[in-house]
């Protein structure tokens, strides 16, 4: 994602969290998904390549940690990712209240 070129904390946070699917990947990690396949089941419409890109981006930003145990790869939120929990949950509350659709 191209940055905003600003030092504003909201702009900097948006550079990390503002891309499509990013907040939903975080939501799935909050809900307990740990493996790539768990994340794919929780986000069935995301392409594998895009999910991989989002995970790598979140890892570079220090929000997600990737661990390997033999052939098993798992993902978990770091301390900074854990701090996003109430923000993501509140975003869901706001969306439920104000961003309803006809679906």
Protein backbone atom coordinates (compact mmCIF):
# COMPACT_ATOMS: atom_id res chain seq x y z
CA UNK A 1 0.00 0.00 0.00
CA UNK A 2 1.26 3.42 -0.86
CA UNK A 3 1.77 5.52 2.27
CA UNK A 4 0.19 8.86 3.02
CA UNK A 5 3.52 10.56 3.58
CA UNK A 6 2.31 11.97 6.89
CA UNK A 7 3.48 11.50 10.45
CA UNK A 8 -0.05 11.58 11.85
CA UNK A 9 -0.67 8.45 13.97
CA UNK A 10 -3.99 7.82 12.20
CA UNK A 11 -2.27 7.96 8.81
CA UNK A 12 0.47 5.59 10.01
CA UNK A 13 -2.09 3.14 11.44
CA UNK A 14 -4.11 3.32 8.22
CA UNK A 15 -1.00 2.39 6.24
CA UNK A 16 -0.86 -0.87 8.22
CA UNK A 17 -4.58 -1.62 8.58
CA UNK A 18 -6.22 0.14 5.65
CA UNK A 19 -5.88 -2.45 2.91
CA UNK A 20 -8.82 -4.61 1.90
CA UNK A 21 -9.15 -7.87 3.91
CA UNK A 22 -6.57 -6.84 6.52
CA UNK A 23 -9.04 -6.24 9.34
CA UNK A 24 -10.85 -9.48 8.51
CA UNK A 25 -7.59 -11.43 8.71
CA UNK A 26 -7.05 -9.88 12.15
CA UNK A 27 -10.64 -10.75 13.09
CA UNK A 28 -10.00 -14.40 12.21
CA UNK A 29 -6.82 -14.47 14.29
CA UNK A 30 -8.74 -12.95 17.21
CA UNK A 31 -11.38 -15.69 16.76
CA UNK A 32 -8.73 -18.37 17.15
CA UNK A 33 -7.59 -19.24 13.64
CA UNK A 34 -3.93 -20.20 13.64
CA UNK A 35 -3.15 -21.96 10.37
CA UNK A 36 -3.37 -20.74 6.80
CA UNK A 37 -6.18 -23.24 6.19
CA UNK A 38 -8.08 -22.01 9.27
CA UNK A 39 -7.83 -18.48 7.92
CA UNK A 40 -9.01 -19.61 4.47
CA UNK A 41 -12.05 -21.33 6.02
CA UNK A 42 -12.93 -18.13 7.87
CA UNK A 43 -12.37 -15.98 4.78
CA UNK A 44 -13.62 -18.17 1.92
CA UNK A 45 -13.66 -15.38 -0.68
CA UNK A 46 -10.04 -14.26 -0.25
CA UNK A 47 -7.57 -15.72 -2.73
CA UNK A 48 -4.68 -17.71 -1.26
CA UNK A 49 -2.14 -15.31 -2.78
CA UNK A 50 -3.88 -12.27 -1.30
CA UNK A 51 -4.13 -13.94 2.12
CA UNK A 52 -0.43 -14.74 1.95
CA UNK A 53 0.35 -11.13 1.02
CA UNK A 54 -1.75 -9.78 3.89
CA UNK A 55 -0.09 -12.11 6.39
CA UNK A 56 3.37 -11.09 5.19
CA UNK A 57 2.43 -7.42 5.40
CA UNK A 58 1.09 -7.83 8.94
CA UNK A 59 4.20 -9.77 9.89
CA UNK A 60 6.46 -6.97 8.57
CA UNK A 61 4.40 -4.46 10.55
CA UNK A 62 4.85 -6.50 13.74
CA UNK A 63 1.15 -7.29 14.13
CA UNK A 64 1.38 -11.02 13.34
CA UNK A 65 4.04 -13.57 14.22
CA UNK A 66 4.66 -16.59 12.01
CA UNK A 67 6.09 -19.71 13.63
CA UNK A 68 7.20 -22.97 12.07
CA UNK A 69 7.29 -26.37 13.75
CA UNK A 70 8.54 -28.84 11.18
CA UNK A 71 6.09 -28.59 8.29
CA UNK A 72 3.45 -26.86 10.40
CA UNK A 73 3.19 -23.08 10.10
CA UNK A 74 1.08 -21.09 12.51
CA UNK A 75 0.17 -17.45 12.92
CA UNK A 76 -0.68 -15.50 16.03
CA UNK A 77 -1.13 -11.90 17.02
CA UNK A 78 1.83 -10.18 18.62
CA UNK A 79 1.44 -7.77 21.53
CA UNK A 80 0.63 -4.97 19.09
CA UNK A 81 -1.88 -7.23 17.35
CA UNK A 82 -3.52 -8.09 20.66
CA UNK A 83 -4.02 -4.36 21.27
CA UNK A 84 -6.18 -4.28 18.15
CA UNK A 85 -8.79 -6.64 19.65
CA UNK A 86 -11.02 -3.96 21.21
CA UNK A 87 -10.69 -1.81 18.09
CA UNK A 88 -11.73 -4.62 15.75
CA UNK A 89 -14.56 -5.64 18.08
CA UNK A 90 -15.81 -2.05 18.29
CA UNK A 91 -15.61 -1.76 14.50
CA UNK A 92 -17.96 -4.75 14.37
CA UNK A 93 -20.33 -3.11 16.86
CA UNK A 94 -20.35 0.07 14.78
CA UNK A 95 -20.90 -1.90 11.58
CA UNK A 96 -23.79 -3.83 13.11
CA UNK A 97 -25.43 -0.61 14.21
CA UNK A 98 -24.71 1.76 11.34
CA UNK A 99 -23.49 -0.08 8.23
CA UNK A 100 -26.29 -2.54 7.67
CA UNK A 101 -27.16 -3.64 4.17
CA UNK A 102 -29.95 -5.53 2.48
CA UNK A 103 -28.01 -8.82 2.55
